[in-house]
C-alpha cells in the first residue's frame, strides 16, 4: 500500500526541540528560552477590553462570517491605507484567517496540484515547504544572493515552468533580511511574466527599527493582479494566542481561498476578529511601545554578544538574531551544549531548511537582562 503524503513528511523540528526543553526541566534545570518566537508581552489593553465586551455578546452564539466580519474589514482597509497607502476592495480583496501560518498552507493547498512546483526561499518558515508537500507538489528552493535578494536567475527553467506559487518573506524569519520596494517590484514582474501567484508573508510588518519602515508588496503598481499578502496580529500586537490574521490582494486568489476554506471550516472565530479589529484600528498607538521594547532587547543582546567578541550585526527588523554555530559543533550538538551548559534554549538553523544548517536563531522573547545573560552563556559555551 502506498504511503500517505503525511507519512512522508519528517517530524517537525520544533517538536524535537520541545522534547529537549521538557527533559531539561524534568531534571530541575532552569532555562532561558529564546528558541520559539512566542511573544511574552501583554495583549494591548484596548484589545483585551474589546474581547471582554464581545464575550458577552449574544452574536457569538452563532457562526462567524465566512470571509470576514464587516468591522474587521473596515479596520483592515483603514490600516492598509494609513500604513502603506494601499486601497483595497473589502468585498473582494480581503479574507480573515486564524493565523497567517494556516492561511499560507490553505493558499498553497488551494492553488497547487500533485506535480506542481512552489518556489520557496532556501531558508524558510517551515510551513512553506510542508504545506507544499501535503499538496503533493514539489518545493523548489530559491538561493539567496549575498544581499538577501532571491536569485531567481539561478532556477532551472523547466522547474519554473511547472511553478504555481512564489513565496517571499521580508523581513525574513529566521534570516532577518529586508528588501526595498524596488526589489518587491522585481518579484511582482517575475510572477506576472511566469503566471505565478506571488505570496508575500509579512508577519513582521511593524517590528522594524532605526527608522526603517517595512514596505508592502501591494504598494507596487499592478501587484494586486498577481500578489497576495499575509498580515498577522501575532508578533506586532503580542497576540499569537488569539490566532487572528488576514490576507489581502489578488481577487481571484482570495475567491479561490474562500472556496477552499468554506469546504473545510466555517470562518474565523468572531471573538478573534473583534480582537483583531481593535488591534488594527489602534495600530498607531499600540505598535510604538511594543517596538521600543523589542529595540531595547535587541540592543542589550547585541551589546552582550559584542562584549564577548562576537561581531553581531543588529538587525533592522524582526525579533531575532540569526547567528553562526561555532566551529566544532553540529546543529543539535550546539543546541544540547547550550541547554546542558548555561541553560539556554535556541532554535537550530536546520529547522528552517537544509540551507539553514550551521546557523541558529535567538528570539527576543525575554527581558533585556535575561537576553544579555543568555548571550554571555552562549559566548562562554563557544569558547569551551
Protein backbone atom coordinates (compact mmCIF):
# COMPACT_ATOMS: atom_id res chain seq x y z
CA UNK A 1 0.00 0.00 0.00
CA UNK A 2 1.29 3.44 -0.91
CA UNK A 3 2.25 5.69 1.95
CA UNK A 4 0.01 8.66 2.69
CA UNK A 5 1.60 12.03 1.90
CA UNK A 6 1.58 12.94 5.60
CA UNK A 7 3.68 9.89 6.41
CA UNK A 8 6.45 11.07 4.08
CA UNK A 9 7.00 14.34 5.93
CA UNK A 10 9.71 14.24 8.62
CA UNK A 11 8.87 15.18 12.23
CA UNK A 12 8.59 18.88 12.99
CA UNK A 13 11.94 20.09 14.38
CA UNK A 14 10.19 22.27 16.97
CA UNK A 15 8.67 19.12 18.50
CA UNK A 16 12.17 17.72 18.95
CA UNK A 17 13.33 20.99 20.47
CA UNK A 18 10.37 20.90 22.84
CA UNK A 19 11.29 17.36 23.93
CA UNK A 20 14.79 18.55 24.83
CA UNK A 21 13.38 21.54 26.71
CA UNK A 22 10.96 19.39 28.72
CA UNK A 23 13.64 16.82 29.55
CA UNK A 24 15.90 19.56 30.92
CA UNK A 25 13.11 20.97 33.07
CA UNK A 26 12.26 17.50 34.32
CA UNK A 27 15.87 17.32 35.57
CA UNK A 28 15.22 20.51 37.51
CA UNK A 29 17.24 22.72 35.19
CA UNK A 30 16.39 26.42 34.94
CA UNK A 31 16.28 27.59 31.34
CA UNK A 32 16.41 30.87 29.44
CA UNK A 33 14.21 30.00 26.49
CA UNK A 34 14.99 32.07 23.41
CA UNK A 35 14.05 29.34 20.96
CA UNK A 36 10.49 29.69 19.69
CA UNK A 37 9.46 33.24 18.75
CA UNK A 38 6.42 33.33 21.02
CA UNK A 39 5.73 36.89 22.26
CA UNK A 40 5.92 37.33 26.02
CA UNK A 41 4.47 40.85 26.23
CA UNK A 42 0.87 41.59 27.25
CA UNK A 43 -2.01 41.79 24.80
CA UNK A 44 -2.75 45.53 24.43
CA UNK A 45 -5.34 46.82 26.88
CA UNK A 46 -7.65 48.13 24.15
CA UNK A 47 -7.73 44.65 22.61
CA UNK A 48 -8.42 42.96 25.94
CA UNK A 49 -11.29 45.38 26.56
CA UNK A 50 -12.77 44.65 23.15
CA UNK A 51 -12.61 40.90 23.78
CA UNK A 52 -14.19 41.24 27.21
CA UNK A 53 -17.10 43.19 25.79
CA UNK A 54 -17.53 40.81 22.87
CA UNK A 55 -17.52 37.75 25.11
CA UNK A 56 -20.91 38.80 26.49
CA UNK A 57 -22.39 39.48 23.04
CA UNK A 58 -25.16 37.05 22.06
CA UNK A 59 -23.97 37.16 18.45
CA UNK A 60 -21.12 34.85 19.46
CA UNK A 61 -23.70 32.08 19.79
CA UNK A 62 -23.92 31.92 16.01
CA UNK A 63 -21.39 31.03 13.34
CA UNK A 64 -18.90 33.70 12.23
CA UNK A 65 -18.85 35.33 8.81
CA UNK A 66 -17.42 33.05 6.13
CA UNK A 67 -14.98 35.64 4.83
CA UNK A 68 -14.62 38.44 7.34
CA UNK A 69 -16.58 40.41 9.93
CA UNK A 70 -17.60 43.82 8.49
CA UNK A 71 -15.94 45.71 11.34
CA UNK A 72 -12.72 43.78 10.79
CA UNK A 73 -12.88 44.56 7.07
CA UNK A 74 -13.22 48.27 7.82
CA UNK A 75 -10.34 48.23 10.30
CA UNK A 76 -8.02 46.46 7.85
CA UNK A 77 -8.95 48.77 4.98
CA UNK A 78 -8.09 51.74 7.22
CA UNK A 79 -4.85 50.16 8.37
CA UNK A 80 -3.62 49.32 4.87
CA UNK A 81 -4.42 52.83 3.66
CA UNK A 82 -2.82 54.59 6.62
CA UNK A 83 0.24 52.35 6.87
CA UNK A 84 1.04 51.63 3.22
CA UNK A 85 -1.16 53.92 1.13
CA UNK A 86 -2.85 50.82 -0.32
CA UNK A 87 -6.56 50.95 -1.22
CA UNK A 88 -8.46 47.65 -1.02
CA UNK A 89 -11.91 46.47 -2.04
CA UNK A 90 -13.12 44.83 1.19
CA UNK A 91 -15.69 42.67 -0.60
CA UNK A 92 -13.17 41.01 -2.92
CA UNK A 93 -9.60 41.59 -1.72
CA UNK A 94 -9.67 40.55 1.94
CA UNK A 95 -10.14 37.36 3.93
CA UNK A 96 -9.85 36.73 7.66
CA UNK A 97 -7.51 33.95 8.81
CA UNK A 98 -6.94 32.06 12.04
CA UNK A 99 -3.25 32.97 11.95
CA UNK A 100 -1.10 33.51 8.87
CA UNK A 101 0.51 30.05 9.10
CA UNK A 102 -2.86 28.43 8.47
CA UNK A 103 -3.58 30.90 5.67
CA UNK A 104 -0.27 30.21 3.92
CA UNK A 105 -0.98 26.47 3.98
CA UNK A 106 -4.50 26.97 2.64
CA UNK A 107 -3.34 29.22 -0.18
CA UNK A 108 -0.78 26.63 -1.24
CA UNK A 109 -3.26 23.76 -0.96
CA UNK A 110 -5.91 25.66 -2.93
CA UNK A 111 -3.55 26.69 -5.74
CA UNK A 112 -1.46 23.58 -6.39
CA UNK A 113 -1.93 20.00 -7.58
CA UNK A 114 0.37 16.99 -7.41
CA UNK A 115 3.36 17.57 -9.68
CA UNK A 116 3.22 21.35 -9.44
CA UNK A 117 6.12 23.39 -8.06
CA UNK A 118 6.19 26.02 -5.32
CA UNK A 119 9.21 28.32 -5.29
CA UNK A 120 10.38 28.64 -1.68
CA UNK A 121 13.28 30.70 -0.27
CA UNK A 122 16.15 28.34 0.59
CA UNK A 123 15.94 29.33 4.27
CA UNK A 124 12.26 29.37 5.12
CA UNK A 125 9.46 29.28 7.63
CA UNK A 126 8.64 25.54 7.73
CA UNK A 127 5.00 25.70 6.59
CA UNK A 128 6.09 26.89 3.13
CA UNK A 129 7.61 23.51 2.30
CA UNK A 130 5.39 21.32 4.46
CA UNK A 131 2.12 22.59 3.00
CA UNK A 132 3.61 22.13 -0.46
CA UNK A 133 4.46 18.51 0.32
CA UNK A 134 0.99 17.93 1.78
CA UNK A 135 -0.45 19.13 -1.53
CA UNK A 136 1.67 16.58 -3.37
CA UNK A 137 3.57 19.41 -5.01
CA UNK A 138 7.33 19.95 -5.06
CA UNK A 139 9.12 22.68 -3.12
CA UNK A 140 11.98 24.13 -5.17
CA UNK A 141 14.38 26.17 -3.06
CA UNK A 142 15.48 29.56 -4.37
CA UNK A 143 19.01 30.56 -3.30
CA UNK A 144 19.76 33.93 -1.76
CA UNK A 145 22.16 36.46 -3.17
CA UNK A 146 24.63 37.93 -0.63
CA UNK A 147 22.39 40.96 -0.01
CA UNK A 148 19.35 38.82 0.80
CA UNK A 149 17.56 39.04 -2.54
CA UNK A 150 16.31 35.85 -4.18
CA UNK A 151 18.47 34.62 -7.04
CA UNK A 152 15.64 33.86 -9.46
CA UNK A 153 18.08 33.61 -12.36
CA UNK A 154 19.64 30.53 -10.77
CA UNK A 155 16.45 28.48 -11.16
CA UNK A 156 16.06 25.69 -13.68
CA UNK A 157 13.64 26.98 -16.37
CA UNK A 158 11.99 23.56 -16.54
CA UNK A 159 11.11 23.75 -12.85
CA UNK A 160 9.92 27.35 -13.15
CA UNK A 161 7.63 26.23 -15.97
CA UNK A 162 5.87 23.88 -13.50
CA UNK A 163 5.64 26.51 -10.75
CA UNK A 164 2.33 27.86 -9.49
CA UNK A 165 3.40 29.91 -6.46
CA UNK A 166 6.42 32.05 -5.49
CA UNK A 167 6.80 32.78 -1.77
CA UNK A 168 8.72 35.78 -0.43
CA UNK A 169 9.27 36.65 3.22
CA UNK A 170 10.66 40.09 4.09
CA UNK A 171 11.50 40.87 6.83
CA UNK A 172 12.66 37.26 6.90
CA UNK A 173 12.19 34.65 9.57
CA UNK A 174 14.77 33.50 10.59
CA UNK A 175 17.19 35.45 8.41
CA UNK A 176 16.00 38.96 9.48
CA UNK A 177 16.76 40.09 5.89
CA UNK A 178 14.89 43.05 4.40
CA UNK A 179 14.45 44.40 0.89
CA UNK A 180 13.31 47.63 -0.74
CA UNK A 181 10.09 48.27 -2.59
CA UNK A 182 12.09 48.15 -5.84
CA UNK A 183 13.10 44.57 -5.08
CA UNK A 184 9.49 43.63 -4.34
CA UNK A 185 8.64 45.09 -7.75
CA UNK A 186 11.14 42.65 -9.30
CA UNK A 187 9.27 39.73 -7.74
CA UNK A 188 5.94 41.10 -8.96
CA UNK A 189 7.30 41.36 -12.51
CA UNK A 190 8.73 37.82 -12.36
CA UNK A 191 5.43 36.41 -11.10
CA UNK A 192 3.46 38.23 -13.79
CA UNK A 193 5.74 37.00 -16.58
CA UNK A 194 5.54 33.42 -15.36
CA UNK A 195 1.86 33.36 -14.43
CA UNK A 196 2.58 32.71 -10.74
CA UNK A 197 0.76 33.62 -7.58
CA UNK A 198 3.16 35.76 -5.53
CA UNK A 199 2.63 35.07 -1.83
CA UNK A 200 4.21 37.67 0.46
CA UNK A 201 4.48 36.67 4.12
CA UNK A 202 4.60 39.97 6.03
CA UNK A 203 4.41 38.67 9.59
CA UNK A 204 6.90 41.29 10.85
CA UNK A 205 5.46 44.36 9.14
CA UNK A 206 5.64 46.53 12.28
CA UNK A 207 8.74 45.17 14.02
CA UNK A 208 11.36 47.40 12.43
CA UNK A 209 13.97 49.70 13.95
CA UNK A 210 16.31 52.63 13.32
CA UNK A 211 13.91 54.50 11.06
CA UNK A 212 13.29 51.60 8.65
CA UNK A 213 9.67 51.23 7.51
CA UNK A 214 8.80 47.80 6.11
CA UNK A 215 7.17 48.04 2.65
CA UNK A 216 4.17 46.07 1.40
CA UNK A 217 4.26 44.25 -1.92
CA UNK A 218 0.82 45.72 -2.60
CA UNK A 219 2.47 49.15 -2.86
CA UNK A 220 3.95 48.01 -6.17
CA UNK A 221 1.78 49.27 -9.07
CA UNK A 222 -0.14 46.35 -10.54
CA UNK A 223 0.77 43.95 -7.71
CA UNK A 224 -2.88 43.23 -6.98
CA UNK A 225 -3.03 41.35 -10.30
CA UNK A 226 -0.57 38.68 -9.09
CA UNK A 227 0.08 39.04 -5.37
CA UNK A 228 -1.48 38.28 -2.03
CA UNK A 229 -0.01 39.34 1.30
CA UNK A 230 -0.35 37.83 4.75
CA UNK A 231 -0.65 40.06 7.82
CA UNK A 232 -0.98 38.82 11.38
CA UNK A 233 -1.67 40.10 14.88
CA UNK A 234 0.71 37.56 16.41
CA UNK A 235 4.01 39.45 16.51
CA UNK A 236 3.20 43.13 16.12
CA UNK A 237 0.44 43.10 18.75
CA UNK A 238 1.54 40.30 21.15
CA UNK A 239 -1.50 38.26 20.08
CA UNK A 240 -0.05 34.91 18.95
CA UNK A 241 -2.51 33.03 21.18
CA UNK A 242 -5.54 34.79 19.71
CA UNK A 243 -4.96 33.39 16.17
CA UNK A 244 -6.05 36.37 14.10
CA UNK A 245 -4.70 37.42 10.71
CA UNK A 246 -5.79 38.43 7.22
CA UNK A 247 -4.76 38.04 3.60
CA UNK A 248 -5.13 40.85 1.08
CA UNK A 249 -4.61 41.26 -2.63
CA UNK A 250 -5.44 39.36 -5.82
CA UNK A 251 -9.18 38.92 -6.19
CA UNK A 252 -9.13 35.52 -7.89
CA UNK A 253 -6.77 34.12 -5.28
CA UNK A 254 -8.94 35.40 -2.42
CA UNK A 255 -12.03 33.87 -4.06
CA UNK A 256 -10.26 30.53 -4.51
CA UNK A 257 -9.09 30.58 -0.89
CA UNK A 258 -12.66 31.27 0.18
CA UNK A 259 -13.92 28.28 -1.81
CA UNK A 260 -11.31 26.07 -0.15
CA UNK A 261 -11.94 27.33 3.38
CA UNK A 262 -15.72 27.16 3.14
CA UNK A 263 -15.46 23.44 2.34
CA UNK A 264 -13.38 22.58 5.41
CA UNK A 265 -14.46 25.11 8.05
CA UNK A 266 -16.83 27.90 8.98
CA UNK A 267 -14.86 31.12 9.20
CA UNK A 268 -12.60 32.61 11.85
CA UNK A 269 -13.83 33.00 15.43
CA UNK A 270 -15.83 36.20 15.78
CA UNK A 271 -14.09 36.87 19.10
CA UNK A 272 -10.69 36.71 17.39
CA UNK A 273 -11.93 39.04 14.64
CA UNK A 274 -13.20 41.53 17.23
CA UNK A 275 -9.77 41.46 18.88
CA UNK A 276 -8.04 41.99 15.55
CA UNK A 277 -10.41 44.85 14.73
CA UNK A 278 -9.30 46.66 17.88
CA UNK A 279 -5.63 45.94 17.15
CA UNK A 280 -5.60 47.26 13.59
CA UNK A 281 -7.87 50.20 14.46
CA UNK A 282 -5.43 51.35 17.15
CA UNK A 283 -2.18 50.23 15.49
CA UNK A 284 -0.68 53.72 15.57
CA UNK A 285 -0.73 53.81 19.38
CA UNK A 286 -0.25 50.10 20.09
CA UNK A 287 2.82 49.45 17.99
CA UNK A 288 5.38 52.08 19.15
CA UNK A 289 5.80 50.84 22.75
CA UNK A 290 6.00 47.22 21.59
CA UNK A 291 8.68 48.14 19.06
CA UNK A 292 10.55 50.18 21.68
CA UNK A 293 10.68 47.15 23.98
CA UNK A 294 11.99 44.90 21.21
CA UNK A 295 14.55 47.54 20.25
CA UNK A 296 15.82 47.67 23.83
CA UNK A 297 16.05 43.89 23.91
CA UNK A 298 17.83 43.78 20.57
CA UNK A 299 20.36 46.37 21.71
CA UNK A 300 21.06 44.60 25.01
CA UNK A 301 21.53 41.27 23.26
CA UNK A 302 23.77 42.66 20.53
CA UNK A 303 25.88 44.59 23.05
CA UNK A 304 26.38 41.47 25.18
CA UNK A 305 27.49 39.43 22.16
CA UNK A 306 29.87 42.15 21.01
CA UNK A 307 31.33 42.44 24.51
CA UNK A 308 32.11 38.74 24.27
CA UNK A 309 33.90 39.14 20.97
CA UNK A 310 31.10 38.12 18.59
CA UNK A 311 30.80 40.68 15.72
CA UNK A 312 27.00 40.62 15.66
CA UNK A 313 25.14 42.95 13.30
CA UNK A 314 21.97 44.45 14.77
CA UNK A 315 19.02 43.54 12.51
CA UNK A 316 16.77 46.37 11.43
CA UNK A 317 13.62 44.24 11.60
CA UNK A 318 12.04 41.14 13.22
CA UNK A 319 12.59 39.81 16.73
CA UNK A 320 15.59 37.56 16.08
CA UNK A 321 19.33 37.19 15.70
CA UNK A 322 20.50 34.68 13.08
CA UNK A 323 23.97 33.52 14.04
CA UNK A 324 26.67 31.05 13.01
CA UNK A 325 27.08 27.86 15.02
CA UNK A 326 30.66 27.86 16.40
CA UNK A 327 33.23 25.65 14.70
CA UNK A 328 33.32 22.12 16.02
CA UNK A 329 29.59 21.81 16.70
CA UNK A 330 26.75 20.33 14.68
CA UNK A 331 23.33 21.98 14.93
CA UNK A 332 21.89 19.65 17.57
CA UNK A 333 25.25 19.35 19.35
CA UNK A 334 25.23 23.12 19.79
CA UNK A 335 21.62 23.16 20.98
CA UNK A 336 22.37 20.42 23.53
CA UNK A 337 25.56 22.13 24.71
CA UNK A 338 23.63 25.30 25.44
CA UNK A 339 20.79 23.51 27.22
CA UNK A 340 23.11 21.38 29.33
CA UNK A 341 25.62 24.17 29.97
CA UNK A 342 24.26 27.69 30.58
CA UNK A 343 20.64 26.51 30.24
CA UNK A 344 19.87 28.50 27.10
CA UNK A 345 17.38 27.19 24.52
CA UNK A 346 17.96 28.28 20.90
CA UNK A 347 16.49 27.05 17.61
CA UNK A 348 18.81 25.10 15.28
CA UNK A 349 19.11 26.53 11.79
CA UNK A 350 18.20 23.22 10.18
CA UNK A 351 14.63 23.83 11.40
CA UNK A 352 14.41 26.29 8.53
CA UNK A 353 15.69 24.02 5.78
CA UNK A 354 18.96 22.40 4.79
CA UNK A 355 20.41 25.78 3.81
CA UNK A 356 19.95 26.89 7.42
CA UNK A 357 22.28 24.20 8.72
CA UNK A 358 25.24 25.70 10.58
CA UNK A 359 23.18 28.62 11.92
CA UNK A 360 20.98 29.15 14.98
CA UNK A 361 18.23 31.59 15.89
CA UNK A 362 17.86 33.62 19.08
CA UNK A 363 14.46 35.21 19.78
CA UNK A 364 13.87 38.45 21.68
CA UNK A 365 11.31 36.82 23.99
CA UNK A 366 12.94 37.51 27.35
CA UNK A 367 13.73 40.72 29.21
CA UNK A 368 16.81 42.69 28.18
CA UNK A 369 18.61 41.48 31.29
CA UNK A 370 17.84 37.82 30.63
CA UNK A 371 18.82 38.16 26.97
CA UNK A 372 22.17 39.62 27.96
CA UNK A 373 22.64 36.71 30.38
CA UNK A 374 21.78 34.27 27.58
CA UNK A 375 24.33 35.92 25.27
CA UNK A 376 27.06 35.62 27.89
CA UNK A 377 26.25 31.94 28.33
CA UNK A 378 26.34 31.36 24.57
CA UNK A 379 29.70 33.12 24.24
CA UNK A 380 31.17 31.15 27.12
CA UNK A 381 29.96 27.84 25.63
CA UNK A 382 31.56 28.62 22.29
CA UNK A 383 34.95 29.01 23.99
CA UNK A 384 34.97 25.56 25.60
